[in-house]
Amino acid sequence: MSALLEVRHVSHSYDERPVLEDISFELEPGAIGCLLGPSGCGKTTVLRCIAGFETVTDGEIALHGKAMSRPGYTVPAERRRIGMVFQDYALFPHLTVARNIAFGLRDASEAERNTRVAELLDIVGLHQVATRYPHELSGGQQQRVALARALAPRPELMLLDEPFSNLDVEMRERLSLEVREILKHQKTTAILVTHDQHEAFNIADEIGIMSHGRIEQWDTPYHLYHEPASRFVADFIGQGVFLPGMVLDEATIGLELGALRSRLTQALEPGTHVDVLLRPDDILHDDSSPLQARVLHKAFRGAEFLYTLQLPGGGRVLSLVPSHHNHAVGESIGIRLEIDHVVAFPRPQSS
């Protein structure tokens, strides 16, 4: 299957100041991608370049193999068949929900418009508010109207720029899952921009982690979590701590918790001093284990506690433990390691 969207070695500058550098990724038809990173990393600028709102200073952006942007050439945004959902929804306050959705169907017949609007109202679950105005809706309802309006003309590609940032945490969680379901139902290829990894993991098939105008890693959520390609990705995704260790051979690292024998995610020479990433799900509570750790802090999370544990040698690790194991701060508990992917990075010289 050929890619619907190809972003090849794209760079962009504002007033000769580099903002994006060598951005490359592609999306297959029907896939949902995400650009994830901290504020100011350039993720929204990538979206604006794809939409045609910004030019590129190097590289190329193509849809279905046809160039949309390259240095000196830009297909206008209105000719790209791209839908956009903005952070502020940008609904028309003087139009009803149904008329907002119909806005992008001006070239269709009245019968075609009515059929498509009814279909989308059903898909986003807003039939009962079709005659209301935006100010009469909740934030979640407004977001679904914005999504339906963008989907109405059947765009080749949907771009979503921080679409849930104005909503509370519970609504964001629920709506992100709903939006994924809607996009998949419509077989719409899409790219989401967010700084929230939970949102990204809920919606996206593939995620690009961005830092300082570059993509550090483009991968599935599973591989980003278990096989981060850089220390930045390892720090940014999920929770975890680094423990110092040393490479003993191609499949073994020695550290305070003992020898880790597993496939290393990168080739490292024996004798290399490394920092080993340990996730909370790598440290298991085991009353029968001779290895003990002291509870420094615990955070109740309903089904689980997140324990911060101090090892005998002074190192600290995190552990997710079922909440019926309610241990007091200061108590020692047995732990053992269970790691499928050993993630280690050469220790910085300064340390």
Protein backbone atom coordinates (compact mmCIF):
# COMPACT_ATOMS: atom_id res chain seq x y z
CA MET A 1 0.00 0.00 0.00
CA SER A 2 1.42 3.39 -0.99
CA ALA A 3 1.54 6.19 1.56
CA LEU A 4 -1.19 8.82 1.50
CA LEU A 5 1.06 11.42 3.15
CA GLU A 6 4.83 11.67 2.71
CA VAL A 7 6.92 14.24 4.55
CA ARG A 8 10.46 14.01 3.21
CA HIS A 9 13.40 15.84 4.85
CA VAL A 10 11.34 18.98 5.47
CA SER A 11 12.94 22.05 7.03
CA HIS A 12 11.37 25.41 7.78
CA SER A 13 12.68 28.75 9.01
CA TYR A 14 11.15 31.99 10.30
CA ASP A 15 13.23 35.02 9.28
CA GLU A 16 16.22 32.71 8.68
CA ARG A 17 15.82 31.18 12.16
CA PRO A 18 15.55 27.36 11.80
CA VAL A 19 12.31 26.01 13.30
CA LEU A 20 12.13 22.55 11.69
CA GLU A 21 15.08 20.42 10.61
CA ASP A 22 15.00 17.31 8.42
CA ILE A 23 11.47 16.16 9.33
CA SER A 24 10.55 12.84 7.68
CA PHE A 25 7.60 10.44 8.15
CA GLU A 26 4.74 8.96 6.18
CA LEU A 27 1.18 7.77 6.81
CA GLU A 28 -0.69 4.96 5.10
CA PRO A 29 -4.36 5.51 4.13
CA GLY A 30 -6.57 5.23 7.20
CA ALA A 31 -3.70 5.53 9.69
CA ILE A 32 -3.71 8.01 12.56
CA GLY A 33 -0.39 9.68 13.33
CA CYS A 34 0.59 12.04 16.12
CA LEU A 35 3.27 14.65 16.65
CA LEU A 36 4.00 14.67 20.38
CA GLY A 37 6.36 16.90 22.26
CA PRO A 38 6.78 19.82 24.67
CA SER A 39 5.65 23.37 23.87
CA GLY A 40 7.87 25.10 21.34
CA CYS A 41 9.26 21.92 19.75
CA GLY A 42 7.80 22.74 16.30
CA LYS A 43 4.93 20.24 16.12
CA THR A 44 2.24 22.80 15.16
CA THR A 45 4.57 24.25 12.52
CA VAL A 46 4.79 20.79 10.90
CA LEU A 47 0.98 20.72 10.80
CA ARG A 48 0.84 24.19 9.24
CA CYS A 49 3.36 23.15 6.57
CA ILE A 50 1.25 20.07 5.73
CA ALA A 51 -1.89 22.24 5.56
CA GLY A 52 -0.21 24.71 3.23
CA PHE A 53 -0.26 27.66 5.66
CA GLU A 54 3.55 27.74 5.79
CA THR A 55 6.16 27.19 3.08
CA VAL A 56 9.08 24.78 3.38
CA THR A 57 12.70 25.84 3.00
CA ASP A 58 13.89 22.34 2.20
CA GLY A 59 12.40 18.92 1.46
CA GLU A 60 8.97 17.98 0.13
CA ILE A 61 5.43 17.21 1.31
CA ALA A 62 3.34 14.95 -0.95
CA LEU A 63 -0.24 13.59 -0.92
CA HIS A 64 -0.84 10.40 -2.91
CA GLY A 65 2.60 10.88 -4.45
CA LYS A 66 1.81 14.38 -5.74
CA ALA A 67 3.97 17.24 -4.41
CA MET A 68 2.07 19.77 -2.30
CA SER A 69 5.06 21.73 -0.97
CA ARG A 70 8.71 22.12 -1.84
CA PRO A 71 11.04 25.13 -1.95
CA GLY A 72 9.53 27.68 -4.33
CA TYR A 73 6.30 25.71 -4.87
CA THR A 74 3.20 25.48 -2.66
CA VAL A 75 -0.25 24.19 -3.57
CA PRO A 76 -2.76 26.55 -1.88
CA ALA A 77 -4.36 25.20 1.30
CA GLU A 78 -7.88 25.23 -0.19
CA ARG A 79 -6.79 22.88 -3.00
CA ARG A 80 -5.26 20.19 -0.76
CA ARG A 81 -8.47 18.46 0.39
CA ILE A 82 -7.32 18.67 3.99
CA GLY A 83 -9.66 19.11 6.95
CA MET A 84 -8.60 20.91 10.13
CA VAL A 85 -9.86 20.91 13.70
CA PHE A 86 -8.42 23.75 15.74
CA GLN A 87 -7.77 24.21 19.44
CA ASP A 88 -10.60 26.77 19.73
CA TYR A 89 -12.98 24.79 17.44
CA ALA A 90 -13.67 27.96 15.34
CA LEU A 91 -17.40 27.29 15.07
CA PHE A 92 -19.67 29.93 13.55
CA PRO A 93 -21.70 31.36 16.49
CA HIS A 94 -24.61 32.50 14.29
CA LEU A 95 -25.11 29.05 12.69
CA THR A 96 -26.84 26.03 14.21
CA VAL A 97 -25.01 22.76 14.70
CA ALA A 98 -26.47 21.36 11.46
CA ARG A 99 -25.58 24.49 9.48
CA ASN A 100 -22.04 24.54 10.93
CA ILE A 101 -21.56 20.97 9.70
CA ALA A 102 -23.05 21.84 6.29
CA PHE A 103 -20.77 24.85 5.83
CA GLY A 104 -18.09 22.91 3.93
CA LEU A 105 -20.64 21.40 1.53
CA ARG A 106 -21.56 24.54 -0.41
CA ASP A 107 -20.90 22.89 -3.78
CA ALA A 108 -23.22 19.96 -3.01
CA SER A 109 -26.94 19.85 -3.79
CA GLU A 110 -29.39 20.48 -0.95
CA ALA A 111 -30.33 16.79 -0.87
CA GLU A 112 -26.64 15.75 -0.71
CA ARG A 113 -26.00 18.29 2.04
CA ASN A 114 -28.96 17.11 4.11
CA THR A 115 -27.96 13.45 3.72
CA ARG A 116 -24.34 14.07 4.70
CA VAL A 117 -25.25 16.28 7.67
CA ALA A 118 -27.71 13.66 8.96
CA GLU A 119 -25.07 10.96 8.57
CA LEU A 120 -22.48 12.96 10.51
CA LEU A 121 -24.92 13.97 13.24
CA ASP A 122 -25.56 10.27 13.74
CA ILE A 123 -21.83 9.41 13.73
CA VAL A 124 -20.91 12.06 16.33
CA GLY A 125 -24.09 11.50 18.38
CA LEU A 126 -25.51 15.02 18.12
CA HIS A 127 -28.90 14.55 16.44
CA GLN A 128 -30.66 15.89 19.52
CA VAL A 129 -28.82 19.24 19.37
CA ALA A 130 -28.89 19.80 15.58
CA THR A 131 -30.89 23.04 15.90
CA ARG A 132 -28.90 24.50 18.79
CA TYR A 133 -26.17 27.13 18.54
CA PRO A 134 -22.54 26.66 19.65
CA HIS A 135 -22.95 28.69 22.86
CA GLU A 136 -25.69 26.28 23.97
CA LEU A 137 -23.34 23.26 23.80
CA SER A 138 -20.80 21.75 26.19
CA GLY A 139 -17.11 21.80 25.27
CA GLY A 140 -17.23 18.14 24.27
CA GLN A 141 -20.24 18.73 22.03
CA GLN A 142 -18.55 21.72 20.38
CA GLN A 143 -15.50 19.56 19.70
CA ARG A 144 -17.63 16.91 18.00
CA VAL A 145 -19.35 19.57 15.87
CA ALA A 146 -15.94 20.85 14.77
CA LEU A 147 -14.88 17.31 13.89
CA ALA A 148 -18.10 16.64 11.95
CA ARG A 149 -17.73 19.91 10.02
CA ALA A 150 -14.15 19.03 9.06
CA LEU A 151 -15.21 15.50 7.99
CA ALA A 152 -18.21 16.70 5.95
CA PRO A 153 -16.42 17.24 2.60
CA ARG A 154 -14.60 13.86 2.96
CA PRO A 155 -11.04 15.25 3.18
CA GLU A 156 -8.03 13.20 2.10
CA LEU A 157 -6.34 14.05 5.39
CA MET A 158 -7.49 15.41 8.75
CA LEU A 159 -5.27 17.63 10.89
CA LEU A 160 -6.08 18.11 14.60
CA ASP A 161 -4.18 20.81 16.48
CA GLU A 162 -4.34 20.29 20.29
CA PRO A 163 -8.10 19.61 19.91
CA PHE A 164 -8.76 18.63 23.54
CA SER A 165 -6.69 21.23 25.40
CA ASN A 166 -9.75 23.25 26.50
CA LEU A 167 -11.45 20.24 28.12
CA ASP A 168 -11.13 18.75 31.59
CA VAL A 169 -9.09 15.57 32.07
CA GLU A 170 -12.04 13.17 32.20
CA MET A 171 -13.65 14.65 29.07
CA ARG A 172 -10.33 14.58 27.21
CA GLU A 173 -9.88 10.89 27.98
CA ARG A 174 -13.39 9.98 26.83
CA LEU A 175 -13.45 12.23 23.77
CA SER A 176 -10.04 11.13 22.53
CA LEU A 177 -11.30 7.54 22.37
CA GLU A 178 -14.50 8.70 20.63
CA VAL A 179 -12.52 10.70 18.05
CA ARG A 180 -10.35 7.68 17.24
CA GLU A 181 -13.47 5.56 16.75
CA ILE A 182 -15.04 8.19 14.47
CA LEU A 183 -11.90 8.60 12.35
CA LYS A 184 -11.52 4.83 12.01
CA HIS A 185 -15.22 4.44 11.13
CA GLN A 186 -14.80 7.05 8.38
CA LYS A 187 -11.46 5.51 7.27
CA THR A 188 -9.96 9.00 7.54
CA THR A 189 -6.18 9.45 7.61
CA ALA A 190 -5.30 11.94 10.34
CA ILE A 191 -2.50 13.65 12.25
CA LEU A 192 -2.92 14.91 15.80
CA VAL A 193 -0.66 17.45 17.50
CA THR A 194 -0.49 17.29 21.29
CA HIS A 195 1.81 17.63 24.30
CA ASP A 196 -0.22 15.00 26.21
CA GLN A 197 1.11 11.45 25.83
CA HIS A 198 -2.10 9.87 27.17
CA GLU A 199 -4.02 11.58 24.36
CA ALA A 200 -1.45 10.43 21.83
CA PHE A 201 -1.55 6.84 23.05
CA ASN A 202 -5.38 6.82 23.04
CA ILE A 203 -5.69 8.00 19.45
CA ALA A 204 -2.60 7.32 17.38
CA ASP A 205 -1.32 4.26 15.52
CA GLU A 206 2.10 5.91 15.12
CA ILE A 207 3.71 8.74 17.06
CA GLY A 208 6.60 11.08 16.31
CA ILE A 209 8.38 12.41 19.41
CA MET A 210 9.61 15.94 18.67
CA SER A 211 12.34 18.00 20.32
CA HIS A 212 13.90 21.27 19.13
CA GLY A 213 12.45 21.05 15.62
CA ARG A 214 13.42 17.44 14.97
CA ILE A 215 11.68 14.07 15.21
CA GLU A 216 13.63 11.97 17.72
CA GLN A 217 11.68 8.79 16.92
CA TRP A 218 8.68 7.87 14.77
CA ASP A 219 7.22 4.59 15.97
CA THR A 220 4.27 2.75 17.49
CA PRO A 221 3.31 3.61 21.08
CA TYR A 222 4.50 0.15 22.21
CA HIS A 223 7.99 0.60 20.77
CA LEU A 224 8.31 4.18 22.00
CA TYR A 225 7.62 2.96 25.54
CA HIS A 226 9.65 -0.26 25.48
CA GLU A 227 12.39 0.59 22.96
CA PRO A 228 13.05 4.37 23.05
CA ALA A 229 15.70 5.39 20.54
CA SER A 230 17.14 8.22 22.62
CA ARG A 231 17.43 9.35 26.20
CA PHE A 232 15.01 12.21 25.46
CA VAL A 233 12.31 9.78 24.28
CA ALA A 234 12.94 7.53 27.30
CA ASP A 235 12.51 10.50 29.65
CA PHE A 236 9.50 11.95 27.84
CA ILE A 237 7.43 8.78 27.46
CA GLY A 238 5.94 7.13 30.51
CA GLN A 239 7.52 7.04 33.94
CA GLY A 240 10.83 5.54 34.89
CA VAL A 241 14.20 6.03 36.51
CA PHE A 242 17.78 5.44 35.40
CA LEU A 243 20.11 3.22 37.43
CA PRO A 244 23.87 3.14 36.75
CA GLY A 245 25.31 -0.09 35.38
CA MET A 246 28.03 -1.62 33.23
CA VAL A 247 27.83 -3.73 30.09
CA LEU A 248 29.24 -7.19 30.87
CA ASP A 249 28.65 -8.78 27.47
CA GLU A 250 26.34 -8.38 24.47
CA ALA A 251 23.32 -9.65 26.44
CA THR A 252 24.15 -8.74 30.05
CA ILE A 253 24.33 -5.58 32.12
CA GLY A 254 25.38 -5.55 35.76
CA LEU A 255 23.76 -3.11 38.15
CA GLU A 256 22.80 -2.81 41.81
CA LEU A 257 19.81 -5.11 41.35
CA GLY A 258 21.96 -7.88 39.87
CA ALA A 259 22.79 -9.01 36.36
CA LEU A 260 20.21 -8.22 33.70
CA ARG A 261 20.25 -10.85 30.97
CA SER A 262 18.12 -9.83 28.02
CA ARG A 263 18.32 -8.56 24.49
CA LEU A 264 19.77 -5.04 24.55
CA THR A 265 17.92 -2.47 22.44
CA GLN A 266 21.26 -1.16 21.11
CA ALA A 267 24.76 -2.55 20.66
CA LEU A 268 27.12 -1.51 23.46
CA GLU A 269 30.72 -2.56 24.05
CA PRO A 270 31.58 -4.59 27.19
CA GLY A 271 32.94 -2.29 29.88
CA THR A 272 30.72 0.64 28.83
CA HIS A 273 29.27 2.55 31.77
CA VAL A 274 25.55 2.97 31.14
CA ASP A 275 22.32 4.24 32.66
CA VAL A 276 19.59 1.59 32.56
CA LEU A 277 15.93 2.62 32.18
CA LEU A 278 13.62 0.88 34.64
CA ARG A 279 9.86 1.34 34.28
CA PRO A 280 7.41 0.86 37.18
CA ASP A 281 6.14 -2.32 35.51
CA ASP A 282 9.69 -3.75 35.44
CA ILE A 283 9.84 -3.92 39.26
CA LEU A 284 7.51 -6.57 40.66
CA HIS A 285 6.48 -6.96 44.31
CA ASP A 286 7.52 -10.44 45.51
CA ASP A 287 7.34 -11.31 49.22
CA SER A 288 9.58 -14.35 48.66
CA SER A 289 12.40 -12.37 47.02
CA PRO A 290 15.64 -11.92 48.99
CA LEU A 291 16.05 -8.48 47.38
CA GLN A 292 14.47 -5.90 49.67
CA ALA A 293 13.64 -2.23 49.07
CA ARG A 294 12.28 0.40 51.45
CA VAL A 295 9.07 2.33 50.69
CA LEU A 296 9.89 6.05 50.45
CA HIS A 297 6.59 7.24 48.99
CA LYS A 298 3.34 5.79 47.70
CA ALA A 299 0.61 7.21 45.45
CA PHE A 300 -2.80 5.54 45.46
CA ARG A 301 -4.20 5.03 41.97
CA GLY A 302 -7.29 2.96 42.64
CA ALA A 303 -6.35 -0.50 41.39
CA GLU A 304 -2.65 0.12 42.08
CA PHE A 305 -0.14 1.91 44.25
CA LEU A 306 2.83 3.60 42.61
CA TYR A 307 5.63 3.01 45.12
CA THR A 308 8.92 4.91 45.18
CA LEU A 309 11.44 2.45 46.61
CA GLN A 310 14.98 2.86 47.91
CA LEU A 311 17.42 0.06 47.16
CA PRO A 312 20.06 -1.10 49.68
CA GLY A 313 22.78 0.75 47.77
CA GLY A 314 20.85 4.02 47.74
CA GLY A 315 19.35 3.88 44.23
CA ARG A 316 15.65 4.58 43.73
CA VAL A 317 13.12 2.78 41.55
CA LEU A 318 9.38 2.93 40.91
CA SER A 319 7.00 -0.02 41.16
CA LEU A 320 3.32 -0.48 40.33
CA VAL A 321 1.76 -2.82 42.90
CA PRO A 322 -1.88 -4.02 43.18
CA SER A 323 -3.59 -1.85 45.79
CA HIS A 324 -4.44 -4.73 48.14
CA HIS A 325 -0.69 -4.71 48.94
CA ASN A 326 -0.91 -1.62 51.16
CA HIS A 327 2.56 -1.12 52.64
CA ALA A 328 3.53 1.72 54.96
CA VAL A 329 6.15 4.33 54.17
CA GLY A 330 9.38 3.11 55.75
CA GLU A 331 8.48 -0.57 55.41
CA SER A 332 10.76 -2.93 53.45
CA ILE A 333 9.23 -5.14 50.76
CA GLY A 334 10.58 -7.87 48.50
CA ILE A 335 11.03 -7.05 44.83
CA ARG A 336 12.28 -8.74 41.67
CA LEU A 337 13.03 -7.62 38.13
CA GLU A 338 11.06 -8.75 35.12
CA ILE A 339 12.32 -6.99 31.99
CA ASP A 340 11.75 -8.01 28.37
CA HIS A 341 13.63 -5.08 26.82
CA VAL A 342 16.76 -3.74 28.48
CA VAL A 343 17.04 -0.06 27.56
CA ALA A 344 20.44 1.44 28.35
CA PHE A 345 22.27 4.55 27.21
CA PRO A 346 25.99 5.34 27.60
CA ARG A 347 26.39 7.46 30.70
CA PRO A 348 27.15 11.13 29.96
CA GLN A 349 30.81 11.95 30.56
CA SER A 350 29.91 14.74 33.00
CA SER A 351 28.34 12.22 35.38
